[in-house]
C-alpha atoms as a PDB file:
ATOM      1  CA  MET A   1       0.067   0.184   0.166  1.00  0.00           C
ATOM      2  CA  GLU A   2       1.489   3.213  -0.928  1.00  0.00           C
ATOM      3  CA  ILE A   3       1.773   6.260   1.909  1.00  0.00           C
ATOM      4  CA  LYS A   4      -0.730   8.143   0.181  1.00  0.00           C
ATOM      5  CA  GLU A   5      -3.196   5.547   0.260  1.00  0.00           C
ATOM      6  CA  LEU A   6      -2.714   4.760   3.937  1.00  0.00           C
ATOM      7  CA  HIS A   7      -2.592   8.050   4.869  1.00  0.00           C
ATOM      8  CA  GLN A   8      -6.466   8.394   3.507  1.00  0.00           C
ATOM      9  CA  LEU A   9      -7.310   5.587   5.744  1.00  0.00           C
ATOM     10  CA  PHE A  10      -5.410   7.866   8.488  1.00  0.00           C
ATOM     11  CA  VAL A  11      -7.889  10.928   7.653  1.00  0.00           C
ATOM     12  CA  ASN A  12     -10.905   9.020   7.835  1.00  0.00           C
ATOM     13  CA  SER A  13      -9.714   6.885  11.050  1.00  0.00           C
ATOM     14  CA  SER A  14      -9.874   8.319  14.363  1.00  0.00           C
ATOM     15  CA  GLY A  15      -6.159   8.416  14.815  1.00  0.00           C
ATOM     16  CA  VAL A  16      -3.361   6.316  15.286  1.00  0.00           C
ATOM     17  CA  THR A  17      -1.862   4.334  18.585  1.00  0.00           C
ATOM     18  CA  THR A  18       1.067   1.547  19.150  1.00  0.00           C
ATOM     19  CA  ASP A  19      -0.657   0.624  22.438  1.00  0.00           C
ATOM     20  CA  SER A  20      -3.166  -2.001  21.983  1.00  0.00           C
ATOM     21  CA  ARG A  21      -4.380  -1.493  25.685  1.00  0.00           C
ATOM     22  CA  GLN A  22      -5.305   2.009  24.381  1.00  0.00           C
ATOM     23  CA  ILE A  23      -7.019   1.707  21.424  1.00  0.00           C
ATOM     24  CA  GLU A  24     -10.010   3.755  20.685  1.00  0.00           C
ATOM     25  CA  LYS A  25     -12.843   2.969  18.059  1.00  0.00           C
ATOM     26  CA  ASP A  26     -11.934   3.361  14.676  1.00  0.00           C
ATOM     27  CA  SER A  27      -7.799   3.666  15.217  1.00  0.00           C
ATOM     28  CA  ILE A  28      -5.138   2.387  13.280  1.00  0.00           C
ATOM     29  CA  PHE A  29      -2.809   0.033  15.594  1.00  0.00           C
ATOM     30  CA  PHE A  30       0.698   0.057  14.552  1.00  0.00           C
ATOM     31  CA  ALA A  31       2.463  -2.904  15.552  1.00  0.00           C
ATOM     32  CA  LEU A  32       6.151  -1.892  16.525  1.00  0.00           C
ATOM     33  CA  LYS A  33       8.711  -4.238  17.927  1.00  0.00           C
ATOM     34  CA  GLY A  34      11.254  -3.611  20.785  1.00  0.00           C
ATOM     35  CA  ASP A  35      13.963  -5.234  22.536  1.00  0.00           C
ATOM     36  CA  ASN A  36      11.425  -6.879  24.865  1.00  0.00           C
ATOM     37  CA  PHE A  37       8.052  -7.066  22.903  1.00  0.00           C
ATOM     38  CA  ASP A  38       6.503  -7.822  19.317  1.00  0.00           C
ATOM     39  CA  GLY A  39       3.659  -5.378  18.408  1.00  0.00           C
ATOM     40  CA  ASN A  40       2.388  -8.155  15.985  1.00  0.00           C
ATOM     41  CA  LEU A  41       1.504 -10.302  18.728  1.00  0.00           C
ATOM     42  CA  TYR A  42      -1.499  -7.644  19.686  1.00  0.00           C
ATOM     43  CA  ALA A  43      -2.457  -6.819  16.252  1.00  0.00           C
ATOM     44  CA  GLN A  44      -5.695  -9.359  16.641  1.00  0.00           C
ATOM     45  CA  ASN A  45      -6.316  -7.948  20.298  1.00  0.00           C
ATOM     46  CA  ALA A  46      -6.309  -4.293  18.703  1.00  0.00           C
ATOM     47  CA  ILE A  47      -8.566  -4.939  16.139  1.00  0.00           C
ATOM     48  CA  GLU A  48     -10.921  -6.941  18.620  1.00  0.00           C
ATOM     49  CA  LYS A  49     -11.243  -3.706  20.682  1.00  0.00           C
ATOM     50  CA  GLY A  50     -12.120  -1.973  17.686  1.00  0.00           C
ATOM     51  CA  ALA A  51      -9.176  -0.576  15.503  1.00  0.00           C
ATOM     52  CA  CYS A  52     -10.265  -0.169  11.857  1.00  0.00           C
ATOM     53  CA  TYR A  53      -6.942  -1.310  10.479  1.00  0.00           C
ATOM     54  CA  ALA A  54      -3.879  -2.875  12.190  1.00  0.00           C
ATOM     55  CA  VAL A  55      -0.215  -2.262  10.263  1.00  0.00           C
ATOM     56  CA  ILE A  56       1.751  -5.098  10.812  1.00  0.00           C
ATOM     57  CA  ASP A  57       5.216  -6.516   9.539  1.00  0.00           C
ATOM     58  CA  ASN A  58       4.866 -10.136   9.975  1.00  0.00           C
ATOM     59  CA  LYS A  59       2.694 -11.816   7.436  1.00  0.00           C
ATOM     60  CA  GLU A  60       1.727 -14.627  10.009  1.00  0.00           C
ATOM     61  CA  TYR A  61      -0.247 -12.147  12.024  1.00  0.00           C
ATOM     62  CA  CYS A  62      -2.165 -10.886   8.479  1.00  0.00           C
ATOM     63  CA  LEU A  63      -5.632 -12.652   8.974  1.00  0.00           C
ATOM     64  CA  THR A  64      -8.104 -10.379   6.947  1.00  0.00           C
ATOM     65  CA  ASP A  65      -8.067  -7.126   5.048  1.00  0.00           C
ATOM     66  CA  LYS A  66      -7.907  -4.763   8.359  1.00  0.00           C
ATOM     67  CA  TYR A  67      -4.426  -6.001   8.609  1.00  0.00           C
ATOM     68  CA  ILE A  68      -2.383  -4.165   6.381  1.00  0.00           C
ATOM     69  CA  LEU A  69       1.293  -5.773   5.672  1.00  0.00           C
ATOM     70  CA  VAL A  70       4.231  -3.538   5.324  1.00  0.00           C
ATOM     71  CA  GLU A  71       8.190  -4.124   5.896  1.00  0.00           C
ATOM     72  CA  ASP A  72       8.801  -2.362   8.998  1.00  0.00           C
ATOM     73  CA  ALA A  73       5.697  -1.094  10.940  1.00  0.00           C
ATOM     74  CA  LEU A  74       7.930   1.733  12.631  1.00  0.00           C
ATOM     75  CA  LYS A  75       9.513   2.908   9.477  1.00  0.00           C
ATOM     76  CA  CYS A  76       6.074   3.184   7.906  1.00  0.00           C
ATOM     77  CA  LEU A  77       4.650   4.936  11.126  1.00  0.00           C
ATOM     78  CA  GLN A  78       7.731   7.590  10.566  1.00  0.00           C
ATOM     79  CA  GLN A  79       7.038   8.019   6.656  1.00  0.00           C
ATOM     80  CA  LEU A  80       3.199   8.324   7.300  1.00  0.00           C
ATOM     81  CA  ALA A  81       4.054  11.239   9.813  1.00  0.00           C
ATOM     82  CA  LYS A  82       6.073  12.458   7.255  1.00  0.00           C
ATOM     83  CA  TYR A  83       3.663  12.566   4.356  1.00  0.00           C
ATOM     84  CA  HIS A  84       0.829  13.772   6.779  1.00  0.00           C
ATOM     85  CA  ARG A  85       3.235  16.868   7.542  1.00  0.00           C
ATOM     86  CA  SER A  86       3.603  17.461   3.950  1.00  0.00           C
ATOM     87  CA  GLN A  87      -0.171  18.005   3.709  1.00  0.00           C
ATOM     88  CA  LEU A  88      -0.412  20.719   6.173  1.00  0.00           C
ATOM     89  CA  LYS A  89      -0.460  24.242   6.073  1.00  0.00           C
ATOM     90  CA  CYS A  90       0.251  25.329   9.611  1.00  0.00           C
ATOM     91  CA  PRO A  91       3.574  26.399  11.139  1.00  0.00           C
ATOM     92  CA  VAL A  92       5.822  24.105  13.136  1.00  0.00           C
ATOM     93  CA  LEU A  93       7.966  24.802  15.610  1.00  0.00           C
ATOM     94  CA  GLY A  94      10.631  22.359  16.162  1.00  0.00           C
ATOM     95  CA  ILE A  95      12.466  22.503  19.599  1.00  0.00           C
ATOM     96  CA  THR A  96      15.348  20.531  21.233  1.00  0.00           C
ATOM     97  CA  GLY A  97      18.319  21.393  23.435  1.00  0.00           C
ATOM     98  CA  THR A  98      20.064  19.425  26.281  1.00  0.00           C
ATOM     99  CA  ASN A  99      17.800  21.069  29.261  1.00  0.00           C
ATOM    100  CA  GLY A 100      14.397  22.878  29.757  1.00  0.00           C
ATOM    101  CA  LYS A 101      13.150  21.472  26.093  1.00  0.00           C
ATOM    102  CA  THR A 102       9.877  20.268  27.604  1.00  0.00           C
ATOM    103  CA  THR A 103       9.253  23.265  30.254  1.00  0.00           C
ATOM    104  CA  THR A 104      10.250  25.516  27.273  1.00  0.00           C
ATOM    105  CA  LYS A 105       7.274  23.481  25.211  1.00  0.00           C
ATOM    106  CA  GLU A 106       5.060  23.909  27.417  1.00  0.00           C
ATOM    107  CA  LEU A 107       5.583  27.671  28.255  1.00  0.00           C
ATOM    108  CA  ILE A 108       5.370  28.464  24.797  1.00  0.00           C
ATOM    109  CA  THR A 109       2.557  26.225  24.190  1.00  0.00           C
ATOM    110  CA  SER A 110       0.394  28.092  27.295  1.00  0.00           C
ATOM    111  CA  VAL A 111       1.040  31.629  25.301  1.00  0.00           C
ATOM    112  CA  ILE A 112       0.311  30.900  21.910  1.00  0.00           C
ATOM    113  CA  GLU A 113      -3.061  28.828  22.794  1.00  0.00           C
ATOM    114  CA  THR A 114      -4.357  31.777  24.354  1.00  0.00           C
ATOM    115  CA  LYS A 115      -5.213  33.316  20.441  1.00  0.00           C
ATOM    116  CA  TYR A 116      -4.195  30.077  18.224  1.00  0.00           C
ATOM    117  CA  LYS A 117      -5.310  26.598  17.906  1.00  0.00           C
ATOM    118  CA  THR A 118      -2.478  24.761  18.951  1.00  0.00           C
ATOM    119  CA  ILE A 119      -1.050  21.165  18.786  1.00  0.00           C
ATOM    120  CA  SER A 120       2.549  20.100  20.785  1.00  0.00           C
ATOM    121  CA  THR A 121       3.819  17.151  22.194  1.00  0.00           C
ATOM    122  CA  LYS A 122       2.649  15.552  24.971  1.00  0.00           C
ATOM    123  CA  GLY A 123       4.728  15.064  27.760  1.00  0.00           C
ATOM    124  CA  ASN A 124       8.421  14.190  26.512  1.00  0.00           C
ATOM    125  CA  LEU A 125       7.632  12.088  23.398  1.00  0.00           C
ATOM    126  CA  ASN A 126      10.197  13.503  21.604  1.00  0.00           C
ATOM    127  CA  ASN A 127      11.968  10.330  19.980  1.00  0.00           C
ATOM    128  CA  HIS A 128      12.104   8.538  17.159  1.00  0.00           C
ATOM    129  CA  ILE A 129       8.397   7.275  18.044  1.00  0.00           C
ATOM    130  CA  GLY A 130       7.217   9.886  19.552  1.00  0.00           C
ATOM    131  CA  VAL A 131       7.738  12.804  17.398  1.00  0.00           C
ATOM    132  CA  PRO A 132       5.915  10.933  14.360  1.00  0.00           C
ATOM    133  CA  LEU A 133       2.856  10.232  16.874  1.00  0.00           C
ATOM    134  CA  SER A 134       3.055  14.151  17.700  1.00  0.00           C
ATOM    135  CA  LEU A 135       3.134  15.159  14.041  1.00  0.00           C
ATOM    136  CA  LEU A 136      -0.123  12.699  13.468  1.00  0.00           C
ATOM    137  CA  LYS A 137      -2.016  14.952  16.162  1.00  0.00           C
ATOM    138  CA  ILE A 138      -1.821  17.727  14.287  1.00  0.00           C
ATOM    139  CA  LYS A 139      -5.596  18.221  12.501  1.00  0.00           C
ATOM    140  CA  PRO A 140      -6.384  20.157   9.280  1.00  0.00           C
ATOM    141  CA  ASP A 141      -7.620  23.460  11.407  1.00  0.00           C
ATOM    142  CA  THR A 142      -4.378  23.634  13.927  1.00  0.00           C
ATOM    143  CA  GLU A 143      -2.831  27.205  13.259  1.00  0.00           C
ATOM    144  CA  ILE A 144       0.556  26.197  14.973  1.00  0.00           C
ATOM    145  CA  ALA A 145       1.975  23.462  16.061  1.00  0.00           C
ATOM    146  CA  ILE A 146       5.095  22.767  18.611  1.00  0.00           C
ATOM    147  CA  ILE A 147       6.899  19.668  18.337  1.00  0.00           C
ATOM    148  CA  GLU A 148       9.722  18.924  20.765  1.00  0.00           C
ATOM    149  CA  MET A 149      12.722  16.427  19.631  1.00  0.00           C
ATOM    150  CA  GLY A 150      15.417  14.804  21.927  1.00  0.00           C
ATOM    151  CA  ALA A 151      18.486  12.944  21.041  1.00  0.00           C
ATOM    152  CA  ASN A 152      21.341  10.986  22.185  1.00  0.00           C
ATOM    153  CA  ASN A 153      23.704  10.464  19.386  1.00  0.00           C
ATOM    154  CA  PHE A 154      24.345  11.999  16.174  1.00  0.00           C
ATOM    155  CA  GLY A 155      21.806  12.459  13.117  1.00  0.00           C
ATOM    156  CA  GLU A 156      19.320  12.067  15.279  1.00  0.00           C
ATOM    157  CA  ILE A 157      18.096  15.627  15.298  1.00  0.00           C
ATOM    158  CA  ASP A 158      18.671  15.794  11.727  1.00  0.00           C
ATOM    159  CA  PHE A 159      16.383  12.420  11.134  1.00  0.00           C
ATOM    160  CA  LEU A 160      13.633  14.414  13.324  1.00  0.00           C
ATOM    161  CA  THR A 161      13.823  17.455  11.803  1.00  0.00           C
ATOM    162  CA  LYS A 162      13.634  16.466   7.906  1.00  0.00           C
ATOM    163  CA  LEU A 163       9.935  14.851   9.794  1.00  0.00           C
ATOM    164  CA  ILE A 164       8.817  17.741  11.264  1.00  0.00           C
ATOM    165  CA  LEU A 165      10.056  20.245   8.624  1.00  0.00           C
ATOM    166  CA  PRO A 166       9.878  23.204  10.847  1.00  0.00           C
ATOM    167  CA  ASP A 167       9.345  26.831   9.891  1.00  0.00           C
ATOM    168  CA  ILE A 168      11.331  27.673  13.046  1.00  0.00           C
ATOM    169  CA  GLY A 169      13.751  25.978  14.978  1.00  0.00           C
ATOM    170  CA  TYR A 170      14.739  26.930  18.643  1.00  0.00           C
ATOM    171  CA  ILE A 171      17.721  25.164  21.029  1.00  0.00           C
ATOM    172  CA  THR A 172      17.290  25.904  24.289  1.00  0.00           C
ATOM    173  CA  ASN A 173      21.038  25.254  25.607  1.00  0.00           C
ATOM    174  CA  PHE A 174      24.075  23.078  25.339  1.00  0.00           C
ATOM    175  CA  GLY A 175      25.056  20.742  28.364  1.00  0.00           C
ATOM    176  CA  LYS A 176      27.007  17.666  29.092  1.00  0.00           C
ATOM    177  CA  ALA A 177      24.108  14.921  28.691  1.00  0.00           C
ATOM    178  CA  HIS A 178      23.975  11.799  26.881  1.00  0.00           C
ATOM    179  CA  LEU A 179      27.830  12.036  26.410  1.00  0.00           C
ATOM    180  CA  GLU A 180      27.824   8.363  25.730  1.00  0.00           C
ATOM    181  CA  GLY A 181      26.476   9.028  22.115  1.00  0.00           C
ATOM    182  CA  PHE A 182      27.863  12.542  22.187  1.00  0.00           C
ATOM    183  CA  LYS A 183      31.233  12.030  23.511  1.00  0.00           C
ATOM    184  CA  ASN A 184      31.488  15.717  24.735  1.00  0.00           C
ATOM    185  CA  ILE A 185      30.526  19.336  24.797  1.00  0.00           C
ATOM    186  CA  ASP A 186      31.597  19.642  21.296  1.00  0.00           C
ATOM    187  CA  GLY A 187      29.518  16.561  20.001  1.00  0.00           C
ATOM    188  CA  VAL A 188      26.623  17.208  21.841  1.00  0.00           C
ATOM    189  CA  ILE A 189      26.845  21.234  19.818  1.00  0.00           C
ATOM    190  CA  LYS A 190      27.289  19.360  16.950  1.00  0.00           C
ATOM    191  CA  GLY A 191      24.344  17.175  17.255  1.00  0.00           C
ATOM    192  CA  LYS A 192      21.839  19.670  18.346  1.00  0.00           C
ATOM    193  CA  THR A 193      22.916  22.117  15.881  1.00  0.00           C
ATOM    194  CA  GLU A 194      21.800  19.600  13.274  1.00  0.00           C
ATOM    195  CA  LEU A 195      18.380  21.391  13.737  1.00  0.00           C
ATOM    196  CA  TYR A 196      19.664  24.909  12.869  1.00  0.00           C
ATOM    197  CA  ARG A 197      21.844  23.696   9.972  1.00  0.00           C
ATOM    198  CA  TRP A 198      18.558  22.534   8.302  1.00  0.00           C
ATOM    199  CA  ILE A 199      16.937  25.658   9.167  1.00  0.00           C
ATOM    200  CA  LEU A 200      19.583  27.576   7.246  1.00  0.00           C
ATOM    201  CA  LYS A 201      19.888  25.544   4.412  1.00  0.00           C
ATOM    202  CA  ASN A 202      15.949  25.818   3.940  1.00  0.00           C
ATOM    203  CA  LYS A 203      16.084  29.417   4.679  1.00  0.00           C
ATOM    204  CA  LYS A 204      13.562  28.910   7.722  1.00  0.00           C
ATOM    205  CA  SER A 205      13.945  30.869  10.928  1.00  0.00           C
ATOM    206  CA  ILE A 206      15.616  30.494  14.326  1.00  0.00           C
ATOM    207  CA  LEU A 207      14.511  31.813  17.396  1.00  0.00           C
ATOM    208  CA  ILE A 208      17.765  32.359  19.152  1.00  0.00           C
ATOM    209  CA  ASN A 209      19.074  33.591  22.685  1.00  0.00           C
ATOM    210  CA  SER A 210      21.795  35.991  22.241  1.00  0.00           C
ATOM    211  CA  ASP A 211      22.905  35.793  25.408  1.00  0.00           C
ATOM    212  CA  ASP A 212      24.270  32.425  24.699  1.00  0.00           C
ATOM    213  CA  LYS A 213      27.739  32.417  23.192  1.00  0.00           C
ATOM    214  CA  ILE A 214      27.795  28.898  21.589  1.00  0.00           C
ATOM    215  CA  GLN A 215      24.324  29.806  19.548  1.00  0.00           C
ATOM    216  CA  THR A 216      25.542  33.393  18.621  1.00  0.00           C
ATOM    217  CA  LYS A 217      28.932  32.146  17.583  1.00  0.00           C
ATOM    218  CA  PHE A 218      27.101  29.190  15.396  1.00  0.00           C
ATOM    219  CA  ILE A 219      25.235  31.787  13.541  1.00  0.00           C
ATOM    220  CA  ASP A 220      27.755  34.326  12.982  1.00  0.00           C
ATOM    221  CA  ASP A 221      30.307  31.118  11.283  1.00  0.00           C
ATOM    222  CA  ASN A 222      27.260  29.857   9.448  1.00  0.00           C
ATOM    223  CA  SER A 223      25.576  32.778   8.122  1.00  0.00           C
END
């Protein structure tokens, strides 16, 4: 099935979920896999609970036409989210940083939603699964979306940025965290500024703390 076709099914559904315990009627269940679980095992349960479709990646569980067999359920979820984003007209603000991402996102949301129909990341669902789920919460009448992005290794912010296609980017700060992936503070800066590099390349906007010497130097060096 082409992503465009799956997107139409999504538009006509009540949303998507990756947890068979939280099925809403007429939702689409994505059977994701992890180190200790296999969502394919719960696809039938999801359908029985009211899901209109189950996206699976193991043909053994493809029982009826309500089961959509794909090569990789996670990649399909990400591709669906990216396609959905491409169909939206509302501006998207992408936020990352070492500390304060969630608090900053909540503060910005609380201000913007007083005037605009706003969708933002719930809690800290800011990874390769949470970001697609957040994007798929955005409705056609949403006026502004605020999406939080987290990472603990190089390339992850770049990947998430290419999913959300932000119109505005903001990095809260740079700190010594996730050093198992980033190695040192220079690695953190390199990883987090993947957002700004995409923004600059695509001529979008950056919100910048001019008191942050690391950020101002990055902008000066890359303008």
